[in-house]
Amino acid sequence: SGNFGNLTSGLIAKEMGAPISGFVAATNT
């Protein structure tokens, strides 16, 4: 994650019913 758009997209998928239990926000320094 950098600008966190990709992870926010994952949140949208989860809200829409994707079988996702959670996320790891993994960044560099």
PDB file of all heavy atoms in Angstrom:
ATOM      1  N   SER A   1       0.817  -1.222   0.000  1.00  0.00           N
ATOM      2  CA  SER A   1       0.000   0.000   0.000  1.00  0.00           C
ATOM      3  C   SER A   1       0.847   1.267   0.000  1.00  0.00           C
ATOM      4  O   SER A   1       1.822   1.377   0.733  1.00  0.00           O
ATOM      5  CB  SER A   1      -0.916   0.011   1.234  1.00  0.00           C
ATOM      6  OG  SER A   1      -1.760  -1.130   1.245  1.00  0.00           O
ATOM      7  N   GLY A   2       0.421   2.231  -0.831  1.00  0.00           N
ATOM      8  CA  GLY A   2       1.062   3.538  -0.871  1.00  0.00           C
ATOM      9  C   GLY A   2       0.032   4.633  -0.695  1.00  0.00           C
ATOM     10  O   GLY A   2      -0.110   5.212   0.372  1.00  0.00           O
ATOM     11  N   ASN A   3      -0.745   4.872  -1.759  1.00  0.00           N
ATOM     12  CA  ASN A   3      -1.808   5.874  -1.697  1.00  0.00           C
ATOM     13  C   ASN A   3      -3.109   5.286  -1.145  1.00  0.00           C
ATOM     14  O   ASN A   3      -4.089   5.994  -0.967  1.00  0.00           O
ATOM     15  CB  ASN A   3      -2.048   6.471  -3.083  1.00  0.00           C
ATOM     16  CG  ASN A   3      -2.465   7.919  -3.036  1.00  0.00           C
ATOM     17  OD1 ASN A   3      -2.220   8.625  -2.053  1.00  0.00           O
ATOM     18  ND2 ASN A   3      -3.092   8.383  -4.094  1.00  0.00           N
ATOM     19  N   PHE A   4      -3.126   3.994  -0.905  1.00  0.00           N
ATOM     20  CA  PHE A   4      -4.212   3.236  -0.281  1.00  0.00           C
ATOM     21  C   PHE A   4      -5.488   3.177  -1.120  1.00  0.00           C
ATOM     22  O   PHE A   4      -6.551   2.827  -0.621  1.00  0.00           O
ATOM     23  CB  PHE A   4      -4.507   3.738   1.138  1.00  0.00           C
ATOM     24  CG  PHE A   4      -3.587   3.102   2.156  1.00  0.00           C
ATOM     25  CD1 PHE A   4      -2.275   3.515   2.277  1.00  0.00           C
ATOM     26  CD2 PHE A   4      -4.015   2.060   2.947  1.00  0.00           C
ATOM     27  CE1 PHE A   4      -1.397   2.910   3.164  1.00  0.00           C
ATOM     28  CE2 PHE A   4      -3.156   1.440   3.840  1.00  0.00           C
ATOM     29  CZ  PHE A   4      -1.850   1.870   3.958  1.00  0.00           C
ATOM     30  N   GLY A   5      -5.360   3.443  -2.423  1.00  0.00           N
ATOM     31  CA  GLY A   5      -6.501   3.241  -3.297  1.00  0.00           C
ATOM     32  C   GLY A   5      -6.786   1.762  -3.482  1.00  0.00           C
ATOM     33  O   GLY A   5      -7.946   1.339  -3.486  1.00  0.00           O
ATOM     34  N   ASN A   6      -5.723   0.952  -3.640  1.00  0.00           N
ATOM     35  CA  ASN A   6      -5.912  -0.476  -3.868  1.00  0.00           C
ATOM     36  C   ASN A   6      -6.606  -1.139  -2.681  1.00  0.00           C
ATOM     37  O   ASN A   6      -7.547  -1.922  -2.846  1.00  0.00           O
ATOM     38  CB  ASN A   6      -4.556  -1.131  -4.136  1.00  0.00           C
ATOM     39  CG  ASN A   6      -4.675  -2.450  -4.870  1.00  0.00           C
ATOM     40  OD1 ASN A   6      -5.748  -2.872  -5.271  1.00  0.00           O
ATOM     41  ND2 ASN A   6      -3.545  -3.101  -5.061  1.00  0.00           N
ATOM     42  N   LEU A   7      -6.169  -0.812  -1.484  1.00  0.00           N
ATOM     43  CA  LEU A   7      -6.797  -1.414  -0.312  1.00  0.00           C
ATOM     44  C   LEU A   7      -8.250  -0.941  -0.160  1.00  0.00           C
ATOM     45  O   LEU A   7      -9.129  -1.721   0.205  1.00  0.00           O
ATOM     46  CB  LEU A   7      -5.991  -1.104   0.948  1.00  0.00           C
ATOM     47  CG  LEU A   7      -6.265  -2.061   2.124  1.00  0.00           C
ATOM     48  CD1 LEU A   7      -5.028  -2.189   3.004  1.00  0.00           C
ATOM     49  CD2 LEU A   7      -7.437  -1.614   2.958  1.00  0.00           C
ATOM     50  N   THR A   8      -8.501   0.337  -0.470  1.00  0.00           N
ATOM     51  CA  THR A   8      -9.881   0.833  -0.410  1.00  0.00           C
ATOM     52  C   THR A   8     -10.764   0.081  -1.394  1.00  0.00           C
ATOM     53  O   THR A   8     -11.941  -0.206  -1.103  1.00  0.00           O
ATOM     54  CB  THR A   8      -9.915   2.343  -0.707  1.00  0.00           C
ATOM     55  OG1 THR A   8      -9.014   3.024   0.184  1.00  0.00           O
ATOM     56  CG2 THR A   8     -11.312   2.915  -0.522  1.00  0.00           C
ATOM     57  N   SER A   9     -10.222  -0.272  -2.558  1.00  0.00           N
ATOM     58  CA  SER A   9     -10.974  -1.081  -3.516  1.00  0.00           C
ATOM     59  C   SER A   9     -11.325  -2.448  -2.922  1.00  0.00           C
ATOM     60  O   SER A   9     -12.409  -2.983  -3.159  1.00  0.00           O
ATOM     61  CB  SER A   9     -10.164  -1.262  -4.802  1.00  0.00           C
ATOM     62  OG  SER A   9      -9.915  -0.030  -5.432  1.00  0.00           O
ATOM     63  N   GLY A  10     -10.397  -3.009  -2.156  1.00  0.00           N
ATOM     64  CA  GLY A  10     -10.682  -4.276  -1.483  1.00  0.00           C
ATOM     65  C   GLY A  10     -11.805  -4.141  -0.479  1.00  0.00           C
ATOM     66  O   GLY A  10     -12.634  -5.047  -0.327  1.00  0.00           O
ATOM     67  N   LEU A  11     -11.851  -3.014   0.210  1.00  0.00           N
ATOM     68  CA  LEU A  11     -12.938  -2.765   1.158  1.00  0.00           C
ATOM     69  C   LEU A  11     -14.284  -2.718   0.441  1.00  0.00           C
ATOM     70  O   LEU A  11     -15.294  -3.220   0.952  1.00  0.00           O
ATOM     71  CB  LEU A  11     -12.687  -1.455   1.906  1.00  0.00           C
ATOM     72  CG  LEU A  11     -11.450  -1.408   2.809  1.00  0.00           C
ATOM     73  CD1 LEU A  11     -11.212   0.001   3.317  1.00  0.00           C
ATOM     74  CD2 LEU A  11     -11.603  -2.379   3.978  1.00  0.00           C
ATOM     75  N   ILE A  12     -14.295  -2.121  -0.747  1.00  0.00           N
ATOM     76  CA  ILE A  12     -15.538  -2.071  -1.532  1.00  0.00           C
ATOM     77  C   ILE A  12     -15.988  -3.486  -1.884  1.00  0.00           C
ATOM     78  O   ILE A  12     -17.167  -3.826  -1.766  1.00  0.00           O
ATOM     79  CB  ILE A  12     -15.330  -1.223  -2.801  1.00  0.00           C
ATOM     80  CG1 ILE A  12     -15.105   0.241  -2.424  1.00  0.00           C
ATOM     81  CG2 ILE A  12     -16.523  -1.352  -3.746  1.00  0.00           C
ATOM     82  CD1 ILE A  12     -14.676   1.124  -3.593  1.00  0.00           C
ATOM     83  N   ALA A  13     -15.048  -4.327  -2.330  1.00  0.00           N
ATOM     84  CA  ALA A  13     -15.395  -5.711  -2.663  1.00  0.00           C
ATOM     85  C   ALA A  13     -15.951  -6.456  -1.456  1.00  0.00           C
ATOM     86  O   ALA A  13     -16.936  -7.196  -1.556  1.00  0.00           O
ATOM     87  CB  ALA A  13     -14.158  -6.439  -3.214  1.00  0.00           C
ATOM     88  N   LYS A  14     -15.330  -6.266  -0.298  1.00  0.00           N
ATOM     89  CA  LYS A  14     -15.813  -6.914   0.928  1.00  0.00           C
ATOM     90  C   LYS A  14     -17.226  -6.439   1.243  1.00  0.00           C
ATOM     91  O   LYS A  14     -18.096  -7.258   1.595  1.00  0.00           O
ATOM     92  CB  LYS A  14     -14.869  -6.621   2.089  1.00  0.00           C
ATOM     93  CG  LYS A  14     -15.305  -7.212   3.433  1.00  0.00           C
ATOM     94  CD  LYS A  14     -14.244  -6.987   4.496  1.00  0.00           C
ATOM     95  CE  LYS A  14     -14.751  -7.335   5.894  1.00  0.00           C
ATOM     96  NZ  LYS A  14     -15.198  -8.731   6.014  1.00  0.00           N
ATOM     97  N   GLU A  15     -17.467  -5.140   1.127  1.00  0.00           N
ATOM     98  CA  GLU A  15     -18.806  -4.607   1.391  1.00  0.00           C
ATOM     99  C   GLU A  15     -19.842  -5.199   0.444  1.00  0.00           C
ATOM    100  O   GLU A  15     -21.010  -5.358   0.803  1.00  0.00           O
ATOM    101  CB  GLU A  15     -18.798  -3.080   1.265  1.00  0.00           C
ATOM    102  CG  GLU A  15     -18.044  -2.345   2.360  1.00  0.00           C
ATOM    103  CD  GLU A  15     -18.767  -2.398   3.697  1.00  0.00           C
ATOM    104  OE1 GLU A  15     -19.986  -2.625   3.727  1.00  0.00           O
ATOM    105  OE2 GLU A  15     -18.091  -2.217   4.737  1.00  0.00           O
ATOM    106  N   MET A  16     -19.421  -5.543  -0.767  1.00  0.00           N
ATOM    107  CA  MET A  16     -20.350  -6.076  -1.768  1.00  0.00           C
ATOM    108  C   MET A  16     -20.535  -7.585  -1.666  1.00  0.00           C
ATOM    109  O   MET A  16     -21.284  -8.169  -2.453  1.00  0.00           O
ATOM    110  CB  MET A  16     -19.884  -5.688  -3.167  1.00  0.00           C
ATOM    111  CG  MET A  16     -19.895  -4.191  -3.420  1.00  0.00           C
ATOM    112  SD  MET A  16     -19.504  -3.746  -5.126  1.00  0.00           S
ATOM    113  CE  MET A  16     -21.067  -4.196  -5.950  1.00  0.00           C
ATOM    114  N   GLY A  17     -19.857  -8.214  -0.709  1.00  0.00           N
ATOM    115  CA  GLY A  17     -20.091  -9.636  -0.473  1.00  0.00           C
ATOM    116  C   GLY A  17     -18.934 -10.559  -0.763  1.00  0.00           C
ATOM    117  O   GLY A  17     -19.088 -11.778  -0.663  1.00  0.00           O
ATOM    118  N   ALA A  18     -17.776 -10.045  -1.128  1.00  0.00           N
ATOM    119  CA  ALA A  18     -16.623 -10.916  -1.361  1.00  0.00           C
ATOM    120  C   ALA A  18     -16.277 -11.673  -0.079  1.00  0.00           C
ATOM    121  O   ALA A  18     -16.318 -11.101   1.011  1.00  0.00           O
ATOM    122  CB  ALA A  18     -15.418 -10.093  -1.812  1.00  0.00           C
ATOM    123  N   PRO A  19     -15.940 -12.968  -0.191  1.00  0.00           N
ATOM    124  CA  PRO A  19     -15.625 -13.761   1.007  1.00  0.00           C
ATOM    125  C   PRO A  19     -14.234 -13.443   1.547  1.00  0.00           C
ATOM    126  O   PRO A  19     -13.334 -14.282   1.562  1.00  0.00           O
ATOM    127  CB  PRO A  19     -15.728 -15.203   0.495  1.00  0.00           C
ATOM    128  CG  PRO A  19     -15.357 -15.101  -0.953  1.00  0.00           C
ATOM    129  CD  PRO A  19     -15.903 -13.781  -1.425  1.00  0.00           C
ATOM    130  N   ILE A  20     -14.071 -12.210   1.995  1.00  0.00           N
ATOM    131  CA  ILE A  20     -12.799 -11.733   2.539  1.00  0.00           C
ATOM    132  C   ILE A  20     -12.986 -11.464   4.029  1.00  0.00           C
ATOM    133  O   ILE A  20     -13.895 -10.734   4.420  1.00  0.00           O
ATOM    134  CB  ILE A  20     -12.358 -10.430   1.830  1.00  0.00           C
ATOM    135  CG1 ILE A  20     -12.096 -10.689   0.334  1.00  0.00           C
ATOM    136  CG2 ILE A  20     -11.118  -9.846   2.494  1.00  0.00           C
ATOM    137  CD1 ILE A  20     -11.882  -9.426  -0.480  1.00  0.00           C
ATOM    138  N   SER A  21     -12.142 -12.076   4.841  1.00  0.00           N
ATOM    139  CA  SER A  21     -12.243 -11.887   6.295  1.00  0.00           C
ATOM    140  C   SER A  21     -11.532 -10.643   6.777  1.00  0.00           C
ATOM    141  O   SER A  21     -11.929 -10.031   7.772  1.00  0.00           O
ATOM    142  CB  SER A  21     -11.689 -13.112   7.029  1.00  0.00           C
ATOM    143  OG  SER A  21     -12.484 -14.248   6.759  1.00  0.00           O
ATOM    144  N   GLY A  22     -10.450 -10.261   6.100  1.00  0.00           N
ATOM    145  CA  GLY A  22      -9.705  -9.097   6.545  1.00  0.00           C
ATOM    146  C   GLY A  22      -8.581  -8.748   5.609  1.00  0.00           C
ATOM    147  O   GLY A  22      -8.414  -9.352   4.533  1.00  0.00           O
ATOM    148  N   PHE A  23      -7.791  -7.771   6.021  1.00  0.00           N
ATOM    149  CA  PHE A  23      -6.730  -7.220   5.188  1.00  0.00           C
ATOM    150  C   PHE A  23      -5.470  -7.017   6.020  1.00  0.00           C
ATOM    151  O   PHE A  23      -5.541  -6.840   7.231  1.00  0.00           O
ATOM    152  CB  PHE A  23      -7.148  -5.862   4.610  1.00  0.00           C
ATOM    153  CG  PHE A  23      -8.390  -5.917   3.758  1.00  0.00           C
ATOM    154  CD1 PHE A  23      -9.655  -5.838   4.327  1.00  0.00           C
ATOM    155  CD2 PHE A  23      -8.283  -6.054   2.376  1.00  0.00           C
ATOM    156  CE1 PHE A  23     -10.793  -5.898   3.545  1.00  0.00           C
ATOM    157  CE2 PHE A  23      -9.414  -6.109   1.585  1.00  0.00           C
ATOM    158  CZ  PHE A  23     -10.675  -6.027   2.167  1.00  0.00           C
ATOM    159  N   VAL A  24      -4.343  -7.017   5.329  1.00  0.00           N
ATOM    160  CA  VAL A  24      -3.092  -6.558   5.918  1.00  0.00           C
ATOM    161  C   VAL A  24      -2.644  -5.335   5.126  1.00  0.00           C
ATOM    162  O   VAL A  24      -2.431  -5.414   3.907  1.00  0.00           O
ATOM    163  CB  VAL A  24      -1.992  -7.631   5.873  1.00  0.00           C
ATOM    164  CG1 VAL A  24      -0.699  -7.080   6.478  1.00  0.00           C
ATOM    165  CG2 VAL A  24      -2.440  -8.887   6.600  1.00  0.00           C
ATOM    166  N   ALA A  25      -2.570  -4.198   5.791  1.00  0.00           N
ATOM    167  CA  ALA A  25      -2.051  -2.977   5.173  1.00  0.00           C
ATOM    168  C   ALA A  25      -0.535  -3.024   5.310  1.00  0.00           C
ATOM    169  O   ALA A  25       0.002  -2.843   6.402  1.00  0.00           O
ATOM    170  CB  ALA A  25      -2.624  -1.743   5.868  1.00  0.00           C
ATOM    171  N   ALA A  26       0.155  -3.304   4.199  1.00  0.00           N
ATOM    172  CA  ALA A  26       1.592  -3.530   4.221  1.00  0.00           C
ATOM    173  C   ALA A  26       2.296  -2.397   3.487  1.00  0.00           C
ATOM    174  O   ALA A  26       2.124  -2.240   2.274  1.00  0.00           O
ATOM    175  CB  ALA A  26       1.918  -4.870   3.568  1.00  0.00           C
ATOM    176  N   THR A  27       3.082  -1.610   4.212  1.00  0.00           N
ATOM    177  CA  THR A  27       3.751  -0.471   3.598  1.00  0.00           C
ATOM    178  C   THR A  27       5.267  -0.601   3.699  1.00  0.00           C
ATOM    179  O   THR A  27       5.794  -1.457   4.417  1.00  0.00           O
ATOM    180  CB  THR A  27       3.331   0.860   4.264  1.00  0.00           C
ATOM    181  OG1 THR A  27       4.017   1.016   5.504  1.00  0.00           O
ATOM    182  CG2 THR A  27       1.828   0.932   4.493  1.00  0.00           C
ATOM    183  N   ASN A  28       5.941   0.279   2.965  1.00  0.00           N
ATOM    184  CA  ASN A  28       7.384   0.401   3.140  1.00  0.00           C
ATOM    185  C   ASN A  28       7.667   1.399   4.267  1.00  0.00           C
ATOM    186  O   ASN A  28       6.817   1.596   5.143  1.00  0.00           O
ATOM    187  CB  ASN A  28       8.061   0.784   1.811  1.00  0.00           C
ATOM    188  CG  ASN A  28       7.489   2.072   1.212  1.00  0.00           C
ATOM    189  OD1 ASN A  28       6.959   2.930   1.923  1.00  0.00           O
ATOM    190  ND2 ASN A  28       7.593   2.206  -0.093  1.00  0.00           N
ATOM    191  N   THR A  29       8.808   2.058   4.239  1.00  0.00           N
ATOM    192  CA  THR A  29       9.167   2.983   5.319  1.00  0.00           C
ATOM    193  C   THR A  29       8.185   4.149   5.441  1.00  0.00           C
ATOM    194  O   THR A  29       8.118   4.800   6.490  1.00  0.00           O
ATOM    195  CB  THR A  29      10.604   3.505   5.092  1.00  0.00           C
ATOM    196  OG1 THR A  29      11.479   2.377   4.928  1.00  0.00           O
ATOM    197  CG2 THR A  29      11.097   4.319   6.274  1.00  0.00           C
TER     198      THR A  29
END
